[in-house]
Amino acid sequence: MNNSELSNQFDTLVSSYRRFRDFDNREPLDTLEFDEYEKSLCLTKAQEQLVLGLYNGKNPDGESFESIEELRRYLAPLIKEAELPPVDREEGAGGYQVVFNNQTGVTSMDPVDGATIVPNSETGITEMGFKPKPKDFLGIDDSSKFFFLPDDLWFITYEAAKVTDGRCGGSSTLDVYPVRQDEYHKIKRNPFRGANDRRALRLDLANNTVEIVSKYGITSYYVRYMKRLRPVILEDLPNGLTIEGLDRSTECELHAGLHQKMLEIAVQIALQSKGYSRENNENR
């Protein structure tokens, strides 16, 4: 559904919950209306709840991500991949310029010497930041490498590290396994659970940064992930209103087969905000 269809069907579903003082004359007992901003908030919250439930299995069927072909198809449009270079840990000025393009949803990150990128309304660049080189990161191991994750990353579904000086003396690829912060020192010397010829270890840090530990030199980190959804904004928002920092109209990124379910969840969220519930409607 496009934004217009979502808005119209939202109104249609809400209308079934209207209460009347005199049902024969259709005299309304109260008003039950939502503007486009309120609808957008509810739809944005609904799509997040829906995707989280499908990903972690907290849904009526109890099925989680990729457990059945239906969910694979529903969530496939949200899967992205990236191959990331290690962050330079040399001391000194400079870092990584991070730019988010509101029109394309693309986040770019390039090494710079401290230069500033000026926003350009024609390109749609609306957000930017500067990530300094992590020269203050100590690292849990001398062989650690640090990587900045994509800003739209939500959940990692697969990860691997390309390394040099591998078992065959050249380059090879190791699977990467996440470990808990307090677990690393317990397993780092374990030949099966620690970093070895077949696996590297990941620890998560602040500022969307990960630390990868490997017994070989890491040249790049490959990550496949479920991206965080952009908000559903039915129309350009007025008066400085924003949803997750955006104010321009954005279409729903979910698979079309999930739109109706998202609408139903959004309407329930909207009704609850007005003190309505399904039970109240059935007993009116």
Protein backbone atom coordinates (compact mmCIF):
# COMPACT_ATOMS: atom_id res chain seq x y z
CA MET A 1 0.00 0.00 0.00
CA ASN A 2 1.13 3.53 -0.62
CA ASN A 3 0.76 6.28 1.99
CA SER A 4 -2.65 7.39 0.75
CA GLU A 5 -4.01 3.84 0.94
CA LEU A 6 -2.56 3.34 4.42
CA SER A 7 -4.18 6.56 5.64
CA ASN A 8 -7.58 5.73 4.15
CA GLN A 9 -7.65 2.18 5.46
CA PHE A 10 -6.53 3.40 8.88
CA ASP A 11 -9.60 5.67 8.96
CA THR A 12 -11.85 2.85 7.81
CA LEU A 13 -10.69 0.52 10.56
CA VAL A 14 -10.99 3.23 13.20
CA SER A 15 -14.53 4.10 12.10
CA SER A 16 -15.76 0.65 13.16
CA TYR A 17 -14.96 1.59 16.76
CA ARG A 18 -17.03 4.78 16.85
CA ARG A 19 -19.73 4.80 19.51
CA PHE A 20 -23.19 6.31 19.06
CA ARG A 21 -25.60 7.84 21.56
CA ASP A 22 -28.56 6.91 19.40
CA PHE A 23 -27.66 4.08 17.05
CA ASP A 24 -30.84 4.44 14.95
CA ASN A 25 -30.14 8.11 14.23
CA ARG A 26 -26.35 7.54 14.14
CA GLU A 27 -25.82 10.33 16.67
CA PRO A 28 -22.14 10.06 17.67
CA LEU A 29 -21.35 9.71 21.35
CA ASP A 30 -17.82 11.00 20.87
CA THR A 31 -15.33 11.76 18.15
CA LEU A 32 -12.61 9.35 17.19
CA GLU A 33 -10.26 10.95 14.70
CA PHE A 34 -6.53 10.98 14.16
CA ASP A 35 -4.46 13.40 12.13
CA GLU A 36 -1.68 12.31 9.78
CA TYR A 37 1.01 12.86 12.41
CA GLU A 38 -0.79 10.65 14.93
CA LYS A 39 -1.38 7.98 12.29
CA SER A 40 2.30 8.08 11.32
CA LEU A 41 3.38 7.62 14.94
CA CYS A 42 1.09 4.62 15.36
CA LEU A 43 2.15 3.04 12.06
CA THR A 44 5.84 3.51 12.88
CA LYS A 45 5.40 1.87 16.29
CA ALA A 46 3.29 -0.92 14.76
CA GLN A 47 5.84 -1.84 12.09
CA GLU A 48 8.56 -2.06 14.73
CA GLN A 49 6.43 -4.29 16.98
CA LEU A 50 5.50 -6.48 14.02
CA VAL A 51 9.07 -6.98 12.78
CA LEU A 52 10.42 -7.64 16.29
CA GLY A 53 7.74 -10.28 16.82
CA LEU A 54 8.56 -11.99 13.52
CA TYR A 55 12.29 -11.85 14.23
CA ASN A 56 12.31 -13.20 17.78
CA GLY A 57 9.33 -15.55 17.53
CA LYS A 58 7.11 -13.61 19.94
CA ASN A 59 4.07 -13.92 17.69
CA PRO A 60 0.92 -16.10 17.76
CA ASP A 61 2.57 -18.81 15.65
CA GLY A 62 5.83 -18.82 17.62
CA GLU A 63 7.88 -18.82 14.40
CA SER A 64 11.10 -16.79 14.28
CA PHE A 65 13.30 -15.33 11.54
CA GLU A 66 14.01 -17.80 8.70
CA SER A 67 12.31 -20.67 10.52
CA ILE A 68 9.82 -20.98 7.66
CA GLU A 69 9.83 -19.83 4.04
CA GLU A 70 6.97 -17.37 4.65
CA LEU A 71 9.04 -15.36 7.14
CA ARG A 72 12.08 -15.50 4.87
CA ARG A 73 10.10 -13.77 2.13
CA TYR A 74 8.47 -11.25 4.47
CA LEU A 75 11.77 -10.13 6.01
CA ALA A 76 14.09 -10.51 2.99
CA PRO A 77 13.62 -6.84 1.89
CA LEU A 78 15.13 -5.74 5.21
CA ILE A 79 18.38 -7.71 4.85
CA LYS A 80 21.51 -5.78 3.84
CA GLU A 81 25.22 -6.48 3.80
CA ALA A 82 28.45 -4.55 4.16
CA GLU A 83 32.18 -5.24 4.06
CA LEU A 84 33.95 -2.94 6.50
CA PRO A 85 37.62 -1.98 6.76
CA PRO A 86 39.28 -1.89 10.19
CA VAL A 87 39.41 1.53 11.83
CA ASP A 88 42.81 3.20 11.89
CA ARG A 89 43.93 3.38 15.50
CA GLU A 90 46.87 5.71 14.90
CA GLU A 91 46.96 8.70 17.17
CA GLY A 92 46.38 12.12 15.73
CA ALA A 93 43.64 14.25 14.27
CA GLY A 94 41.09 12.97 11.83
CA GLY A 95 38.44 10.31 11.85
CA TYR A 96 35.42 9.25 9.87
CA GLN A 97 32.80 11.57 8.42
CA VAL A 98 29.33 10.03 8.66
CA VAL A 99 26.60 11.30 6.34
CA PHE A 100 22.98 10.21 6.15
CA ASN A 101 21.00 10.92 2.98
CA ASN A 102 17.31 11.32 3.82
CA GLN A 103 16.17 10.72 0.25
CA THR A 104 18.00 7.46 -0.34
CA GLY A 105 18.38 6.22 3.22
CA VAL A 106 22.07 5.56 2.52
CA THR A 107 24.69 6.10 5.20
CA SER A 108 28.26 6.72 4.06
CA MET A 109 31.44 6.80 6.11
CA ASP A 110 34.74 8.05 4.76
CA PRO A 111 38.13 8.75 6.36
CA VAL A 112 38.79 12.48 6.56
CA ASP A 113 41.23 14.85 8.22
CA GLY A 114 38.60 16.72 10.18
CA ALA A 115 36.82 18.41 7.26
CA THR A 116 33.15 19.35 7.59
CA ILE A 117 30.49 18.48 5.02
CA VAL A 118 27.94 21.23 4.43
CA PRO A 119 24.28 20.11 4.26
CA ASN A 120 22.84 20.27 0.76
CA SER A 121 19.06 20.50 0.42
CA GLU A 122 19.23 19.26 -3.18
CA THR A 123 20.91 16.00 -2.23
CA GLY A 124 18.70 15.50 0.81
CA ILE A 125 21.61 15.28 3.26
CA THR A 126 20.00 16.09 6.59
CA GLU A 127 22.19 14.47 9.22
CA MET A 128 25.90 14.18 9.69
CA GLY A 129 28.39 13.38 12.36
CA PHE A 130 32.08 12.97 13.01
CA LYS A 131 33.44 9.77 14.53
CA PRO A 132 36.97 10.28 15.81
CA LYS A 133 39.59 7.62 15.39
CA PRO A 134 39.31 5.37 18.44
CA LYS A 135 42.85 6.08 19.61
CA ASP A 136 41.63 5.83 23.21
CA PHE A 137 40.29 2.29 22.74
CA LEU A 138 42.54 -0.02 24.71
CA GLY A 139 41.31 -3.28 23.22
CA ILE A 140 40.79 -6.51 25.09
CA ASP A 141 43.60 -8.17 23.13
CA ASP A 142 46.69 -6.96 21.27
CA SER A 143 45.33 -8.48 18.07
CA SER A 144 41.98 -6.67 18.33
CA LYS A 145 40.60 -4.74 15.38
CA PHE A 146 37.78 -2.19 15.63
CA PHE A 147 35.00 -1.60 13.14
CA PHE A 148 32.22 0.97 12.86
CA LEU A 149 28.94 -0.76 12.07
CA PRO A 150 26.47 0.73 9.56
CA ASP A 151 24.17 3.22 11.26
CA ASP A 152 21.03 1.44 10.02
CA LEU A 153 22.12 -1.94 11.44
CA TRP A 154 19.50 -3.48 13.74
CA PHE A 155 20.30 -7.20 14.11
CA ILE A 156 23.31 -9.10 12.76
CA THR A 157 22.28 -12.28 10.95
CA TYR A 158 25.70 -13.44 9.70
CA GLU A 159 29.29 -12.23 10.09
CA ALA A 160 32.75 -13.24 8.98
CA ALA A 161 36.29 -11.86 8.99
CA LYS A 162 38.76 -11.95 6.13
CA VAL A 163 42.25 -12.61 7.47
CA THR A 164 45.82 -12.92 6.22
CA ASP A 165 48.43 -15.48 7.28
CA GLY A 166 45.72 -18.09 7.60
CA ARG A 167 46.12 -21.83 7.76
CA CYS A 168 47.28 -21.99 4.13
CA GLY A 169 49.64 -19.06 4.42
CA GLY A 170 47.40 -16.76 2.37
CA SER A 171 44.03 -15.16 2.95
CA SER A 172 41.00 -16.96 4.29
CA THR A 173 37.63 -16.29 5.89
CA LEU A 174 36.73 -17.02 9.49
CA ASP A 175 33.27 -17.14 11.00
CA VAL A 176 32.76 -14.56 13.73
CA TYR A 177 31.02 -15.44 16.98
CA PRO A 178 29.72 -12.94 19.54
CA VAL A 179 30.84 -13.46 23.15
CA ARG A 180 29.84 -11.81 26.41
CA GLN A 181 32.18 -9.24 27.89
CA ASP A 182 32.67 -11.25 31.09
CA GLU A 183 33.12 -14.52 29.18
CA TYR A 184 36.09 -13.60 27.02
CA HIS A 185 38.84 -14.17 29.58
CA LYS A 186 37.31 -17.54 30.48
CA ILE A 187 37.42 -18.84 26.91
CA LYS A 188 40.27 -16.99 25.19
CA ARG A 189 42.74 -19.85 25.77
CA ASN A 190 40.18 -22.56 25.07
CA PRO A 191 41.22 -24.20 21.76
CA PHE A 192 37.60 -24.83 20.81
CA ARG A 193 35.73 -21.74 22.09
CA GLY A 194 38.43 -19.08 21.79
CA ALA A 195 39.80 -17.42 18.65
CA ASN A 196 41.35 -20.18 16.56
CA ASP A 197 41.99 -21.34 12.97
CA ARG A 198 38.26 -21.42 12.25
CA ARG A 199 36.71 -18.64 14.28
CA ALA A 200 37.12 -15.05 15.45
CA LEU A 201 35.32 -13.41 18.37
CA ARG A 202 33.19 -10.26 18.52
CA LEU A 203 32.65 -7.95 21.48
CA ASP A 204 30.27 -5.00 21.28
CA LEU A 205 31.21 -1.46 22.32
CA ALA A 206 29.49 1.90 22.49
CA ASN A 207 28.94 4.19 19.49
CA ASN A 208 27.97 1.33 17.18
CA THR A 209 31.48 -0.11 17.31
CA VAL A 210 32.60 -3.73 17.53
CA GLU A 211 35.93 -5.28 18.51
CA ILE A 212 36.99 -8.41 16.61
CA VAL A 213 39.65 -10.72 18.06
CA SER A 214 41.48 -13.14 15.79
CA LYS A 215 44.77 -15.03 15.90
CA TYR A 216 45.42 -13.74 12.36
CA GLY A 217 45.53 -10.25 10.89
CA ILE A 218 42.04 -9.05 9.91
CA THR A 219 41.77 -7.19 6.61
CA SER A 220 37.99 -6.71 6.55
CA TYR A 221 34.81 -7.58 8.42
CA TYR A 222 31.78 -8.81 6.47
CA VAL A 223 28.39 -8.38 8.08
CA ARG A 224 24.91 -9.27 6.87
CA TYR A 225 22.17 -7.69 8.91
CA MET A 226 18.54 -6.71 9.28
CA LYS A 227 18.30 -2.98 8.85
CA ARG A 228 16.40 -0.66 11.14
CA LEU A 229 13.24 0.54 9.46
CA ARG A 230 12.68 4.15 8.59
CA PRO A 231 9.50 5.62 10.10
CA VAL A 232 6.25 5.57 8.15
CA ILE A 233 5.39 9.25 7.54
CA LEU A 234 2.18 9.66 5.59
CA GLU A 235 2.82 13.26 4.54
CA ASP A 236 5.37 16.02 5.10
CA LEU A 237 5.08 17.06 8.73
CA PRO A 238 4.29 20.70 9.60
CA ASN A 239 5.41 23.04 12.39
CA GLY A 240 8.77 21.42 13.07
CA LEU A 241 7.27 18.02 13.93
CA THR A 242 9.53 15.03 13.36
CA ILE A 243 9.46 11.27 13.80
CA GLU A 244 12.87 9.76 14.56
CA GLY A 245 14.45 12.95 13.26
CA LEU A 246 12.65 12.93 9.89
CA ASP A 247 9.90 15.24 8.68
CA ARG A 248 9.49 14.27 5.01
CA SER A 249 6.96 11.78 3.68
CA THR A 250 8.38 8.23 3.63
CA GLU A 251 6.76 5.06 2.33
CA CYS A 252 6.50 1.86 4.36
CA GLU A 253 9.49 -0.43 3.71
CA LEU A 254 7.77 -3.62 4.84
CA HIS A 255 6.79 -6.42 2.47
CA ALA A 256 3.31 -5.71 1.06
CA GLY A 257 2.04 -8.91 2.65
CA LEU A 258 2.59 -7.38 6.11
CA HIS A 259 0.81 -4.06 5.52
CA GLN A 260 -2.64 -5.22 6.65
CA LYS A 261 -1.29 -6.72 9.87
CA MET A 262 0.68 -3.56 10.54
CA LEU A 263 -2.49 -1.50 10.05
CA GLU A 264 -4.42 -3.62 12.53
CA ILE A 265 -1.68 -3.24 15.15
CA ALA A 266 -1.45 0.52 14.48
CA VAL A 267 -5.21 0.98 14.96
CA GLN A 268 -5.09 -0.87 18.28
CA ILE A 269 -2.23 1.37 19.42
CA ALA A 270 -4.22 4.45 18.36
CA LEU A 271 -7.38 3.27 20.14
CA GLN A 272 -5.48 2.53 23.34
CA SER A 273 -4.10 6.08 23.28
CA LYS A 274 -7.72 7.31 23.41
CA GLY A 275 -8.77 4.89 26.12
CA TYR A 276 -10.51 2.45 23.78
CA SER A 277 -10.02 -1.28 23.62
CA ARG A 278 -11.38 -4.19 21.60
CA GLU A 279 -13.35 -5.35 24.65
CA ASN A 280 -14.99 -1.95 25.10
CA ASN A 281 -16.05 -1.95 21.46
CA GLU A 282 -17.54 -5.44 21.66
CA ASN A 283 -19.50 -4.60 24.82
CA ARG A 284 -20.81 -1.20 23.80
